[in-house]
Amino acid sequence: MLVNELTDGMEIDQVLLVREAERRQRRDGGDYLRLQVGDRTGAVTCMVWEELSEIEELALAGTPVNVRGRYTVHPRFGPQINLRSVEAASPGSYSTEDLIDGPARAVEQMEDEVRELVATIQEPYLRTLLERVFGEGSELWAGYRVAPAAKYYHQAYRHGLLEHCLGVAQAVSAISATFPGIDRDVAVTGALLHDLGKLDAYTDDPSNIDLTDDGRLHGEIALGYYRIRRTIEDIQGFPAALAQAVGHIILSHHGTLEHGSPVVPCTREATLVHMIDNLGGRLGSFDRLEKELGPGRCWSPFDRAIGAGAFFAERRGEGPEPGQLPAPAREAA
């Protein structure tokens, strides 16, 4: 059974991947262990009250474990597993593909589409920059094609960065002719490169995506700007105005200072990339939430990324499970 197929009261005995493991303090002063376990369709929380040290040593983030217990849906806290035991997963008892999420499209197809997009860039210095990054033998390309786009909210899986940046760049390319004054080559180049810092900001373990020390200390925007600035400096004669335009897109793509950008978008191209990047992240959250929906559900629980429960009209005929109110109604109650 996949996590999104579990129903209230179901007994489970299966291998799940540990997403998070955190020791916390109880009100009486003792400790407990909060585990989040899941598969490619979603995650569920469970609490460990006894034998903490043994299970803490076993249930490391990114480790598959065999979980036994009862799946319940708490009216306030949502889905949980009332644990009976957690044990090491036996070799051959699970499929890694069932535990780790991935893109909907074939990686080879996305790689071809990136190169097709690069081939449309007419400005020779921008084309050279992109070929340095996306060339077959490039170290940057080797990381770019497998890196995640996030730790949790959208495309938080292997090849997620490729999927996200390609989608943003394709949308920017399509829209750039709609509004006057936009330099398409600059905008598409910035869209393909805007999240390059995530190569250094996130770990490369697909079963345990987390921030690296560099990601925590410097942030993905600074790391990406540094990478591209170094690459540009190695291209003899690269125009200063082009370097400034591409660098500004990378530095401003989060849109506001509060969201981590050191500057806000001040050009048409940077504004376009920021808006499409934000849209891509939002829609990626809907993809994540829909994957996690159980049978007969058309509303997701409240989600911080979109600020509400997500509604999927195409599932309306299935309706919510008996006794389950849609997410906004539960929030209001």
C-alpha atoms as a PDB file:
ATOM      1  CA  MET A   1       0.000   0.000   0.000  1.00  0.00           C
ATOM      2  CA  LEU A   2       1.188   3.502  -0.813  1.00  0.00           C
ATOM      3  CA  VAL A   3       0.761   6.197   1.843  1.00  0.00           C
ATOM      4  CA  ASN A   4      -1.959   7.975  -0.131  1.00  0.00           C
ATOM      5  CA  GLU A   5      -3.955   4.718  -0.263  1.00  0.00           C
ATOM      6  CA  LEU A   6      -4.061   4.209   3.503  1.00  0.00           C
ATOM      7  CA  THR A   7      -7.417   4.698   5.225  1.00  0.00           C
ATOM      8  CA  ASP A   8      -8.375   5.435   8.820  1.00  0.00           C
ATOM      9  CA  GLY A   9      -8.005   2.405  11.092  1.00  0.00           C
ATOM     10  CA  MET A  10      -5.893   0.363   8.660  1.00  0.00           C
ATOM     11  CA  GLU A  11      -3.216  -1.922  10.093  1.00  0.00           C
ATOM     12  CA  ILE A  12       0.135  -1.522   8.364  1.00  0.00           C
ATOM     13  CA  ASP A  13       3.270  -3.635   8.230  1.00  0.00           C
ATOM     14  CA  GLN A  14       5.521  -2.274   5.510  1.00  0.00           C
ATOM     15  CA  VAL A  15       8.727  -0.461   4.643  1.00  0.00           C
ATOM     16  CA  LEU A  16       8.667   3.351   4.633  1.00  0.00           C
ATOM     17  CA  LEU A  17      11.448   5.896   4.275  1.00  0.00           C
ATOM     18  CA  VAL A  18      12.377   8.042   7.269  1.00  0.00           C
ATOM     19  CA  ARG A  19      11.993  11.676   6.174  1.00  0.00           C
ATOM     20  CA  GLU A  20      12.732  13.303   9.548  1.00  0.00           C
ATOM     21  CA  ALA A  21      13.652  12.139  13.035  1.00  0.00           C
ATOM     22  CA  GLU A  22      13.640  14.657  15.885  1.00  0.00           C
ATOM     23  CA  ARG A  23      13.935  14.149  19.633  1.00  0.00           C
ATOM     24  CA  ARG A  24      11.610  16.478  21.553  1.00  0.00           C
ATOM     25  CA  GLN A  25      10.789  17.166  25.193  1.00  0.00           C
ATOM     26  CA  ARG A  26       7.526  16.111  26.821  1.00  0.00           C
ATOM     27  CA  ARG A  27       5.619  18.324  29.206  1.00  0.00           C
ATOM     28  CA  ASP A  28       6.624  16.103  32.110  1.00  0.00           C
ATOM     29  CA  GLY A  29      10.291  16.637  31.291  1.00  0.00           C
ATOM     30  CA  GLY A  30      10.928  13.347  29.510  1.00  0.00           C
ATOM     31  CA  ASP A  31      11.772  12.943  25.824  1.00  0.00           C
ATOM     32  CA  TYR A  32       9.973  11.483  22.850  1.00  0.00           C
ATOM     33  CA  LEU A  33      10.962  10.924  19.241  1.00  0.00           C
ATOM     34  CA  ARG A  34       8.923  12.429  16.402  1.00  0.00           C
ATOM     35  CA  LEU A  35       9.333  10.495  13.164  1.00  0.00           C
ATOM     36  CA  GLN A  36       8.059  11.400   9.738  1.00  0.00           C
ATOM     37  CA  VAL A  37       7.992   8.412   7.406  1.00  0.00           C
ATOM     38  CA  GLY A  38       6.653   8.077   3.893  1.00  0.00           C
ATOM     39  CA  ASP A  39       7.009   6.998   0.306  1.00  0.00           C
ATOM     40  CA  ARG A  40       6.800   8.661  -3.114  1.00  0.00           C
ATOM     41  CA  THR A  41       3.139   9.624  -2.532  1.00  0.00           C
ATOM     42  CA  GLY A  42       3.410  11.379   0.820  1.00  0.00           C
ATOM     43  CA  ALA A  43       4.463  11.230   4.449  1.00  0.00           C
ATOM     44  CA  VAL A  44       2.885  10.557   7.828  1.00  0.00           C
ATOM     45  CA  THR A  45       3.941  11.327  11.405  1.00  0.00           C
ATOM     46  CA  CYS A  46       4.448   8.858  14.241  1.00  0.00           C
ATOM     47  CA  MET A  47       5.621   9.256  17.831  1.00  0.00           C
ATOM     48  CA  VAL A  48       8.041   7.011  19.694  1.00  0.00           C
ATOM     49  CA  TRP A  49       7.633   7.038  23.474  1.00  0.00           C
ATOM     50  CA  GLU A  50       9.865   4.133  24.527  1.00  0.00           C
ATOM     51  CA  GLU A  51      13.287   2.740  23.612  1.00  0.00           C
ATOM     52  CA  LEU A  52      14.191   6.107  22.119  1.00  0.00           C
ATOM     53  CA  SER A  53      17.936   5.560  21.846  1.00  0.00           C
ATOM     54  CA  GLU A  54      17.613   2.261  19.996  1.00  0.00           C
ATOM     55  CA  ILE A  55      15.064   3.574  17.510  1.00  0.00           C
ATOM     56  CA  GLU A  56      16.879   6.901  17.141  1.00  0.00           C
ATOM     57  CA  GLU A  57      19.983   5.004  16.090  1.00  0.00           C
ATOM     58  CA  LEU A  58      17.984   2.890  13.649  1.00  0.00           C
ATOM     59  CA  ALA A  59      15.632   5.503  12.155  1.00  0.00           C
ATOM     60  CA  LEU A  60      18.061   7.977  10.625  1.00  0.00           C
ATOM     61  CA  ALA A  61      16.732  10.399   7.996  1.00  0.00           C
ATOM     62  CA  GLY A  62      16.972   8.774   4.578  1.00  0.00           C
ATOM     63  CA  THR A  63      16.833   5.225   5.975  1.00  0.00           C
ATOM     64  CA  PRO A  64      14.141   2.685   5.004  1.00  0.00           C
ATOM     65  CA  VAL A  65      12.540   1.038   8.044  1.00  0.00           C
ATOM     66  CA  ASN A  66       9.808  -1.538   8.549  1.00  0.00           C
ATOM     67  CA  VAL A  67       6.899   0.086  10.351  1.00  0.00           C
ATOM     68  CA  ARG A  68       4.135  -1.794  12.165  1.00  0.00           C
ATOM     69  CA  GLY A  69       1.110  -0.077  13.641  1.00  0.00           C
ATOM     70  CA  ARG A  70      -2.306   1.396  12.956  1.00  0.00           C
ATOM     71  CA  TYR A  71      -2.906   4.297  10.551  1.00  0.00           C
ATOM     72  CA  THR A  72      -5.350   6.835  11.992  1.00  0.00           C
ATOM     73  CA  VAL A  73      -6.643  10.261  10.975  1.00  0.00           C
ATOM     74  CA  HIS A  74      -6.792  12.513  14.036  1.00  0.00           C
ATOM     75  CA  PRO A  75      -9.455  15.267  13.823  1.00  0.00           C
ATOM     76  CA  ARG A  76      -6.917  17.887  14.906  1.00  0.00           C
ATOM     77  CA  PHE A  77      -3.459  16.573  14.046  1.00  0.00           C
ATOM     78  CA  GLY A  78      -4.259  14.728  10.826  1.00  0.00           C
ATOM     79  CA  PRO A  79      -2.797  11.396   9.654  1.00  0.00           C
ATOM     80  CA  GLN A  80      -0.670   9.487  12.167  1.00  0.00           C
ATOM     81  CA  ILE A  81       0.653   5.999  12.736  1.00  0.00           C
ATOM     82  CA  ASN A  82       0.179   4.555  16.208  1.00  0.00           C
ATOM     83  CA  LEU A  83       3.388   2.569  16.352  1.00  0.00           C
ATOM     84  CA  ARG A  84       3.879  -0.909  17.661  1.00  0.00           C
ATOM     85  CA  SER A  85       7.403  -1.411  16.324  1.00  0.00           C
ATOM     86  CA  VAL A  86      10.093   0.021  14.053  1.00  0.00           C
ATOM     87  CA  GLU A  87      12.736  -2.333  12.673  1.00  0.00           C
ATOM     88  CA  ALA A  88      15.491  -2.268  10.069  1.00  0.00           C
ATOM     89  CA  ALA A  89      14.167  -2.994   6.574  1.00  0.00           C
ATOM     90  CA  SER A  90      15.309  -6.338   5.226  1.00  0.00           C
ATOM     91  CA  PRO A  91      17.201  -6.261   1.901  1.00  0.00           C
ATOM     92  CA  GLY A  92      14.851  -7.062  -0.970  1.00  0.00           C
ATOM     93  CA  SER A  93      11.717  -6.200   1.032  1.00  0.00           C
ATOM     94  CA  TYR A  94      11.126  -2.868  -0.723  1.00  0.00           C
ATOM     95  CA  SER A  95      11.590  -0.992  -3.989  1.00  0.00           C
ATOM     96  CA  THR A  96      13.527   2.279  -3.869  1.00  0.00           C
ATOM     97  CA  GLU A  97      11.325   3.610  -6.687  1.00  0.00           C
ATOM     98  CA  ASP A  98       8.280   3.258  -4.417  1.00  0.00           C
ATOM     99  CA  LEU A  99       9.916   5.265  -1.643  1.00  0.00           C
ATOM    100  CA  ILE A 100      11.504   8.188  -3.508  1.00  0.00           C
ATOM    101  CA  ASP A 101       9.528  10.688  -5.592  1.00  0.00           C
ATOM    102  CA  GLY A 102      10.582  11.840  -9.053  1.00  0.00           C
ATOM    103  CA  PRO A 103       9.538  13.954 -12.056  1.00  0.00           C
ATOM    104  CA  ALA A 104       6.527  13.074 -14.162  1.00  0.00           C
ATOM    105  CA  ARG A 105       8.495  13.291 -17.425  1.00  0.00           C
ATOM    106  CA  ALA A 106      11.470  11.258 -18.605  1.00  0.00           C
ATOM    107  CA  VAL A 107      14.800  12.841 -17.687  1.00  0.00           C
ATOM    108  CA  GLU A 108      16.146  12.282 -21.206  1.00  0.00           C
ATOM    109  CA  GLN A 109      13.246  14.254 -22.673  1.00  0.00           C
ATOM    110  CA  MET A 110      13.884  17.182 -20.335  1.00  0.00           C
ATOM    111  CA  GLU A 111      17.599  17.152 -21.165  1.00  0.00           C
ATOM    112  CA  ASP A 112      16.799  17.332 -24.876  1.00  0.00           C
ATOM    113  CA  GLU A 113      14.410  20.231 -24.287  1.00  0.00           C
ATOM    114  CA  VAL A 114      17.053  22.187 -22.355  1.00  0.00           C
ATOM    115  CA  ARG A 115      19.465  21.851 -25.263  1.00  0.00           C
ATOM    116  CA  GLU A 116      16.760  22.805 -27.761  1.00  0.00           C
ATOM    117  CA  LEU A 117      16.102  25.952 -25.735  1.00  0.00           C
ATOM    118  CA  VAL A 118      19.814  26.796 -25.521  1.00  0.00           C
ATOM    119  CA  ALA A 119      20.039  26.457 -29.310  1.00  0.00           C
ATOM    120  CA  THR A 120      17.472  29.257 -29.725  1.00  0.00           C
ATOM    121  CA  ILE A 121      19.673  31.841 -27.945  1.00  0.00           C
ATOM    122  CA  GLN A 122      21.025  34.217 -30.588  1.00  0.00           C
ATOM    123  CA  GLU A 123      23.336  36.401 -28.472  1.00  0.00           C
ATOM    124  CA  PRO A 124      26.767  34.734 -28.851  1.00  0.00           C
ATOM    125  CA  TYR A 125      28.112  35.448 -25.359  1.00  0.00           C
ATOM    126  CA  LEU A 126      24.954  34.187 -23.667  1.00  0.00           C
ATOM    127  CA  ARG A 127      25.049  31.082 -25.869  1.00  0.00           C
ATOM    128  CA  THR A 128      28.661  30.507 -24.814  1.00  0.00           C
ATOM    129  CA  LEU A 129      27.749  30.917 -21.146  1.00  0.00           C
ATOM    130  CA  LEU A 130      24.928  28.398 -21.431  1.00  0.00           C
ATOM    131  CA  GLU A 131      27.117  25.940 -23.325  1.00  0.00           C
ATOM    132  CA  ARG A 132      29.715  26.183 -20.544  1.00  0.00           C
ATOM    133  CA  VAL A 133      27.029  25.303 -17.998  1.00  0.00           C
ATOM    134  CA  PHE A 134      25.016  22.745 -19.966  1.00  0.00           C
ATOM    135  CA  GLY A 135      27.737  21.156 -22.096  1.00  0.00           C
ATOM    136  CA  GLU A 136      27.984  17.369 -21.995  1.00  0.00           C
ATOM    137  CA  GLY A 137      31.295  17.395 -20.122  1.00  0.00           C
ATOM    138  CA  SER A 138      30.409  20.218 -17.738  1.00  0.00           C
ATOM    139  CA  GLU A 139      30.692  19.612 -13.996  1.00  0.00           C
ATOM    140  CA  LEU A 140      27.809  22.044 -13.501  1.00  0.00           C
ATOM    141  CA  TRP A 141      25.588  20.069 -15.878  1.00  0.00           C
ATOM    142  CA  ALA A 142      26.365  16.812 -14.065  1.00  0.00           C
ATOM    143  CA  GLY A 143      25.015  18.351 -10.862  1.00  0.00           C
ATOM    144  CA  TYR A 144      22.200  20.384 -12.455  1.00  0.00           C
ATOM    145  CA  ARG A 145      20.528  17.385 -14.088  1.00  0.00           C
ATOM    146  CA  VAL A 146      20.184  15.429 -10.811  1.00  0.00           C
ATOM    147  CA  ALA A 147      19.800  18.089  -8.092  1.00  0.00           C
ATOM    148  CA  PRO A 148      16.491  18.667  -6.253  1.00  0.00           C
ATOM    149  CA  ALA A 149      14.636  21.978  -6.581  1.00  0.00           C
ATOM    150  CA  ALA A 150      13.759  22.174  -2.887  1.00  0.00           C
ATOM    151  CA  LYS A 151      13.799  20.297   0.405  1.00  0.00           C
ATOM    152  CA  TYR A 152      10.030  20.026   0.664  1.00  0.00           C
ATOM    153  CA  TYR A 153       7.602  22.388  -1.082  1.00  0.00           C
ATOM    154  CA  HIS A 154       8.034  21.691  -4.810  1.00  0.00           C
ATOM    155  CA  GLN A 155      10.033  19.248  -6.921  1.00  0.00           C
ATOM    156  CA  ALA A 156      11.843  18.029  -3.813  1.00  0.00           C
ATOM    157  CA  TYR A 157      13.325  15.001  -5.552  1.00  0.00           C
ATOM    158  CA  ARG A 158      16.148  13.914  -7.841  1.00  0.00           C
ATOM    159  CA  HIS A 159      16.030  15.829 -11.191  1.00  0.00           C
ATOM    160  CA  GLY A 160      13.672  18.382  -9.612  1.00  0.00           C
ATOM    161  CA  LEU A 161      15.973  21.330 -10.401  1.00  0.00           C
ATOM    162  CA  LEU A 162      16.109  20.343 -14.068  1.00  0.00           C
ATOM    163  CA  GLU A 163      12.322  20.003 -14.197  1.00  0.00           C
ATOM    164  CA  HIS A 164      11.691  23.321 -12.427  1.00  0.00           C
ATOM    165  CA  CYS A 165      14.217  25.490 -14.303  1.00  0.00           C
ATOM    166  CA  LEU A 166      13.205  24.026 -17.658  1.00  0.00           C
ATOM    167  CA  GLY A 167       9.540  24.769 -16.948  1.00  0.00           C
ATOM    168  CA  VAL A 168      10.334  28.346 -15.888  1.00  0.00           C
ATOM    169  CA  ALA A 169      12.543  28.935 -18.936  1.00  0.00           C
ATOM    170  CA  GLN A 170       9.973  27.514 -21.370  1.00  0.00           C
ATOM    171  CA  ALA A 171       7.249  29.726 -19.896  1.00  0.00           C
ATOM    172  CA  VAL A 172       9.518  32.785 -19.986  1.00  0.00           C
ATOM    173  CA  SER A 173      10.337  32.025 -23.622  1.00  0.00           C
ATOM    174  CA  ALA A 174       6.665  31.738 -24.531  1.00  0.00           C
ATOM    175  CA  ILE A 175       5.609  34.901 -22.695  1.00  0.00           C
ATOM    176  CA  SER A 176       8.552  37.158 -23.575  1.00  0.00           C
ATOM    177  CA  ALA A 177       7.077  38.091 -26.961  1.00  0.00           C
ATOM    178  CA  THR A 178       3.775  39.100 -25.349  1.00  0.00           C
ATOM    179  CA  PHE A 179       5.166  42.164 -23.554  1.00  0.00           C
ATOM    180  CA  PRO A 180       7.229  44.847 -25.328  1.00  0.00           C
ATOM    181  CA  GLY A 181      10.772  45.652 -24.299  1.00  0.00           C
ATOM    182  CA  ILE A 182      11.809  42.229 -23.001  1.00  0.00           C
ATOM    183  CA  ASP A 183      15.153  40.836 -24.157  1.00  0.00           C
ATOM    184  CA  ARG A 184      14.185  37.208 -24.657  1.00  0.00           C
ATOM    185  CA  ASP A 185      17.765  35.904 -24.734  1.00  0.00           C
ATOM    186  CA  VAL A 186      18.584  37.536 -21.392  1.00  0.00           C
ATOM    187  CA  ALA A 187      15.314  36.398 -19.802  1.00  0.00           C
ATOM    188  CA  VAL A 188      15.625  32.763 -20.947  1.00  0.00           C
ATOM    189  CA  THR A 189      19.286  32.626 -19.911  1.00  0.00           C
ATOM    190  CA  GLY A 190      18.409  33.981 -16.472  1.00  0.00           C
ATOM    191  CA  ALA A 191      15.521  31.527 -16.147  1.00  0.00           C
ATOM    192  CA  LEU A 192      17.746  28.535 -16.907  1.00  0.00           C
ATOM    193  CA  LEU A 193      20.396  29.718 -14.442  1.00  0.00           C
ATOM    194  CA  HIS A 194      18.351  31.363 -11.669  1.00  0.00           C
ATOM    195  CA  ASP A 195      18.485  28.405  -9.244  1.00  0.00           C
ATOM    196  CA  LEU A 196      22.005  27.192  -9.997  1.00  0.00           C
ATOM    197  CA  GLY A 197      22.991  27.806  -6.374  1.00  0.00           C
ATOM    198  CA  LYS A 198      20.911  24.813  -5.339  1.00  0.00           C
ATOM    199  CA  LEU A 199      23.732  22.588  -6.589  1.00  0.00           C
ATOM    200  CA  ASP A 200      25.695  23.723  -3.547  1.00  0.00           C
ATOM    201  CA  ALA A 201      22.813  24.546  -1.200  1.00  0.00           C
ATOM    202  CA  TYR A 202      21.283  21.034  -1.001  1.00  0.00           C
ATOM    203  CA  THR A 203      22.678  17.581  -0.369  1.00  0.00           C
ATOM    204  CA  ASP A 204      22.745  15.155  -3.289  1.00  0.00           C
ATOM    205  CA  ASP A 205      21.240  12.206  -1.401  1.00  0.00           C
ATOM    206  CA  PRO A 206      17.767  11.694  -2.957  1.00  0.00           C
ATOM    207  CA  SER A 207      16.514   9.838   0.116  1.00  0.00           C
ATOM    208  CA  ASN A 208      17.487  12.632   2.520  1.00  0.00           C
ATOM    209  CA  ILE A 209      17.401  16.091   0.923  1.00  0.00           C
ATOM    210  CA  ASP A 210      18.682  18.733   3.316  1.00  0.00           C
ATOM    211  CA  LEU A 211      20.561  22.019   3.356  1.00  0.00           C
ATOM    212  CA  THR A 212      24.346  21.821   3.248  1.00  0.00           C
ATOM    213  CA  ASP A 213      26.557  23.948   5.469  1.00  0.00           C
ATOM    214  CA  ASP A 214      27.101  26.300   2.502  1.00  0.00           C
ATOM    215  CA  GLY A 215      23.351  26.452   1.948  1.00  0.00           C
ATOM    216  CA  ARG A 216      22.746  27.449   5.560  1.00  0.00           C
ATOM    217  CA  LEU A 217      25.648  29.892   5.796  1.00  0.00           C
ATOM    218  CA  HIS A 218      25.481  31.582   2.384  1.00  0.00           C
ATOM    219  CA  GLY A 219      22.077  30.813   0.846  1.00  0.00           C
ATOM    220  CA  GLU A 220      21.331  29.474  -2.614  1.00  0.00           C
ATOM    221  CA  ILE A 221      21.093  32.920  -4.262  1.00  0.00           C
ATOM    222  CA  ALA A 222      24.599  33.967  -3.247  1.00  0.00           C
ATOM    223  CA  LEU A 223      25.972  30.545  -4.190  1.00  0.00           C
ATOM    224  CA  GLY A 224      24.337  30.670  -7.624  1.00  0.00           C
ATOM    225  CA  TYR A 225      25.522  34.222  -8.335  1.00  0.00           C
ATOM    226  CA  TYR A 226      29.073  33.238  -7.386  1.00  0.00           C
ATOM    227  CA  ARG A 227      29.004  30.216  -9.696  1.00  0.00           C
ATOM    228  CA  ILE A 228      27.762  32.206 -12.678  1.00  0.00           C
ATOM    229  CA  ARG A 229      30.028  35.179 -12.014  1.00  0.00           C
ATOM    230  CA  ARG A 230      33.068  32.872 -12.029  1.00  0.00           C
ATOM    231  CA  THR A 231      31.932  31.234 -15.262  1.00  0.00           C
ATOM    232  CA  ILE A 232      31.363  34.612 -16.934  1.00  0.00           C
ATOM    233  CA  GLU A 233      34.823  35.839 -15.883  1.00  0.00           C
ATOM    234  CA  ASP A 234      36.351  32.880 -17.731  1.00  0.00           C
ATOM    235  CA  ILE A 235      34.691  33.956 -21.012  1.00  0.00           C
ATOM    236  CA  GLN A 236      36.987  36.512 -22.639  1.00  0.00           C
ATOM    237  CA  GLY A 237      35.249  39.705 -23.708  1.00  0.00           C
ATOM    238  CA  PHE A 238      31.908  38.940 -22.041  1.00  0.00           C
ATOM    239  CA  PRO A 239      30.044  42.285 -22.106  1.00  0.00           C
ATOM    240  CA  ALA A 240      29.673  43.926 -18.688  1.00  0.00           C
ATOM    241  CA  ALA A 241      26.054  44.925 -19.410  1.00  0.00           C
ATOM    242  CA  LEU A 242      25.074  41.307 -20.160  1.00  0.00           C
ATOM    243  CA  ALA A 243      26.831  40.063 -17.025  1.00  0.00           C
ATOM    244  CA  GLN A 244      24.965  42.689 -15.019  1.00  0.00           C
ATOM    245  CA  ALA A 245      21.584  41.741 -16.534  1.00  0.00           C
ATOM    246  CA  VAL A 246      21.980  37.987 -15.908  1.00  0.00           C
ATOM    247  CA  GLY A 247      23.435  38.534 -12.442  1.00  0.00           C
ATOM    248  CA  HIS A 248      20.519  40.759 -11.481  1.00  0.00           C
ATOM    249  CA  ILE A 249      18.022  38.041 -12.444  1.00  0.00           C
ATOM    250  CA  ILE A 250      19.778  35.543 -10.171  1.00  0.00           C
ATOM    251  CA  LEU A 251      20.075  37.999  -7.265  1.00  0.00           C
ATOM    252  CA  SER A 252      16.462  39.188  -7.426  1.00  0.00           C
ATOM    253  CA  HIS A 253      14.490  36.095  -8.409  1.00  0.00           C
ATOM    254  CA  HIS A 254      12.926  35.612  -4.942  1.00  0.00           C
ATOM    255  CA  GLY A 255      11.245  38.961  -5.463  1.00  0.00           C
ATOM    256  CA  THR A 256      11.533  40.595  -2.040  1.00  0.00           C
ATOM    257  CA  LEU A 257      14.128  41.155   0.642  1.00  0.00           C
ATOM    258  CA  GLU A 258      11.923  39.251   3.108  1.00  0.00           C
ATOM    259  CA  HIS A 259      12.104  36.174   0.891  1.00  0.00           C
ATOM    260  CA  GLY A 260      15.886  36.216   0.684  1.00  0.00           C
ATOM    261  CA  SER A 261      16.698  38.312  -2.384  1.00  0.00           C
ATOM    262  CA  PRO A 262      19.432  40.899  -1.682  1.00  0.00           C
ATOM    263  CA  VAL A 263      17.742  43.152  -4.263  1.00  0.00           C
ATOM    264  CA  VAL A 264      14.241  43.337  -5.750  1.00  0.00           C
ATOM    265  CA  PRO A 265      13.654  42.882  -9.503  1.00  0.00           C
ATOM    266  CA  CYS A 266      14.492  46.163 -11.260  1.00  0.00           C
ATOM    267  CA  THR A 267      14.374  45.095 -14.931  1.00  0.00           C
ATOM    268  CA  ARG A 268      11.660  43.664 -17.150  1.00  0.00           C
ATOM    269  CA  GLU A 269      13.582  40.413 -17.542  1.00  0.00           C
ATOM    270  CA  ALA A 270      14.161  39.956 -13.805  1.00  0.00           C
ATOM    271  CA  THR A 271      10.515  40.737 -13.058  1.00  0.00           C
ATOM    272  CA  LEU A 272       9.336  38.186 -15.610  1.00  0.00           C
ATOM    273  CA  VAL A 273      11.635  35.445 -14.290  1.00  0.00           C
ATOM    274  CA  HIS A 274      10.593  36.139 -10.686  1.00  0.00           C
ATOM    275  CA  MET A 275       6.892  35.982 -11.528  1.00  0.00           C
ATOM    276  CA  ILE A 276       7.186  32.751 -13.521  1.00  0.00           C
ATOM    277  CA  ASP A 277       9.502  31.198 -10.918  1.00  0.00           C
ATOM    278  CA  ASN A 278       6.965  31.979  -8.201  1.00  0.00           C
ATOM    279  CA  LEU A 279       4.168  30.549 -10.335  1.00  0.00           C
ATOM    280  CA  GLY A 280       6.178  27.400 -11.063  1.00  0.00           C
ATOM    281  CA  GLY A 281       6.832  26.849  -7.368  1.00  0.00           C
ATOM    282  CA  ARG A 282       3.164  27.364  -6.492  1.00  0.00           C
ATOM    283  CA  LEU A 283       1.946  24.945  -9.167  1.00  0.00           C
ATOM    284  CA  GLY A 284       4.627  22.468  -8.124  1.00  0.00           C
ATOM    285  CA  SER A 285       3.051  22.505  -4.659  1.00  0.00           C
ATOM    286  CA  PHE A 286      -0.277  21.477  -6.206  1.00  0.00           C
ATOM    287  CA  ASP A 287       1.472  18.526  -7.879  1.00  0.00           C
ATOM    288  CA  ARG A 288       2.918  17.489  -4.518  1.00  0.00           C
ATOM    289  CA  LEU A 289      -0.417  17.796  -2.732  1.00  0.00           C
ATOM    290  CA  GLU A 290      -2.327  15.849  -5.367  1.00  0.00           C
ATOM    291  CA  LYS A 291       0.157  12.965  -5.146  1.00  0.00           C
ATOM    292  CA  GLU A 292      -0.477  12.806  -1.404  1.00  0.00           C
ATOM    293  CA  LEU A 293      -4.283  12.665  -1.663  1.00  0.00           C
ATOM    294  CA  GLY A 294      -5.894   9.429  -0.617  1.00  0.00           C
ATOM    295  CA  PRO A 295      -8.648   7.674  -2.548  1.00  0.00           C
ATOM    296  CA  GLY A 296     -11.917   9.594  -2.635  1.00  0.00           C
ATOM    297  CA  ARG A 297     -10.357  12.930  -1.642  1.00  0.00           C
ATOM    298  CA  CYS A 298     -10.618  16.165  -3.623  1.00  0.00           C
ATOM    299  CA  TRP A 299      -9.341  18.552  -0.901  1.00  0.00           C
ATOM    300  CA  SER A 300      -5.849  18.493   0.583  1.00  0.00           C
ATOM    301  CA  PRO A 301      -5.121  19.476   4.186  1.00  0.00           C
ATOM    302  CA  PHE A 302      -4.051  23.068   4.829  1.00  0.00           C
ATOM    303  CA  ASP A 303      -0.684  23.691   3.180  1.00  0.00           C
ATOM    304  CA  ARG A 304       1.720  26.471   4.161  1.00  0.00           C
ATOM    305  CA  ALA A 305       3.097  26.864   0.642  1.00  0.00           C
ATOM    306  CA  ILE A 306      -0.234  27.929  -0.847  1.00  0.00           C
ATOM    307  CA  GLY A 307      -1.857  29.237   2.351  1.00  0.00           C
ATOM    308  CA  ALA A 308      -4.958  27.049   2.043  1.00  0.00           C
ATOM    309  CA  GLY A 309      -6.174  23.566   1.285  1.00  0.00           C
ATOM    310  CA  ALA A 310      -5.852  22.675  -2.411  1.00  0.00           C
ATOM    311  CA  PHE A 311      -8.967  21.665  -4.347  1.00  0.00           C
ATOM    312  CA  PHE A 312      -8.834  19.287  -7.329  1.00  0.00           C
ATOM    313  CA  ALA A 313     -12.083  19.635  -9.261  1.00  0.00           C
ATOM    314  CA  GLU A 314     -11.391  16.650 -11.507  1.00  0.00           C
ATOM    315  CA  ARG A 315     -11.673  14.426  -8.421  1.00  0.00           C
ATOM    316  CA  ARG A 316     -14.986  15.971  -7.345  1.00  0.00           C
ATOM    317  CA  GLY A 317     -17.022  12.946  -8.408  1.00  0.00           C
ATOM    318  CA  GLU A 318     -15.087  10.781  -5.992  1.00  0.00           C
ATOM    319  CA  GLY A 319     -15.957  13.107  -3.087  1.00  0.00           C
ATOM    320  CA  PRO A 320     -14.356  13.139   0.365  1.00  0.00           C
ATOM    321  CA  GLU A 321     -14.345  10.050   2.482  1.00  0.00           C
ATOM    322  CA  PRO A 322     -17.385   9.582   4.705  1.00  0.00           C
ATOM    323  CA  GLY A 323     -17.175  11.809   7.777  1.00  0.00           C
ATOM    324  CA  GLN A 324     -14.346  13.888   6.287  1.00  0.00           C
ATOM    325  CA  LEU A 325     -14.985  17.595   5.719  1.00  0.00           C
ATOM    326  CA  PRO A 326     -12.994  19.514   3.119  1.00  0.00           C
ATOM    327  CA  ALA A 327      -9.867  21.176   4.496  1.00  0.00           C
ATOM    328  CA  PRO A 328     -11.211  24.765   4.663  1.00  0.00           C
ATOM    329  CA  ALA A 329     -14.288  23.616   6.602  1.00  0.00           C
ATOM    330  CA  ARG A 330     -12.109  21.790   9.124  1.00  0.00           C
ATOM    331  CA  GLU A 331      -9.952  24.888   9.522  1.00  0.00           C
ATOM    332  CA  ALA A 332     -13.023  27.033  10.179  1.00  0.00           C
ATOM    333  CA  ALA A 333     -14.396  24.534  12.655  1.00  0.00           C
END
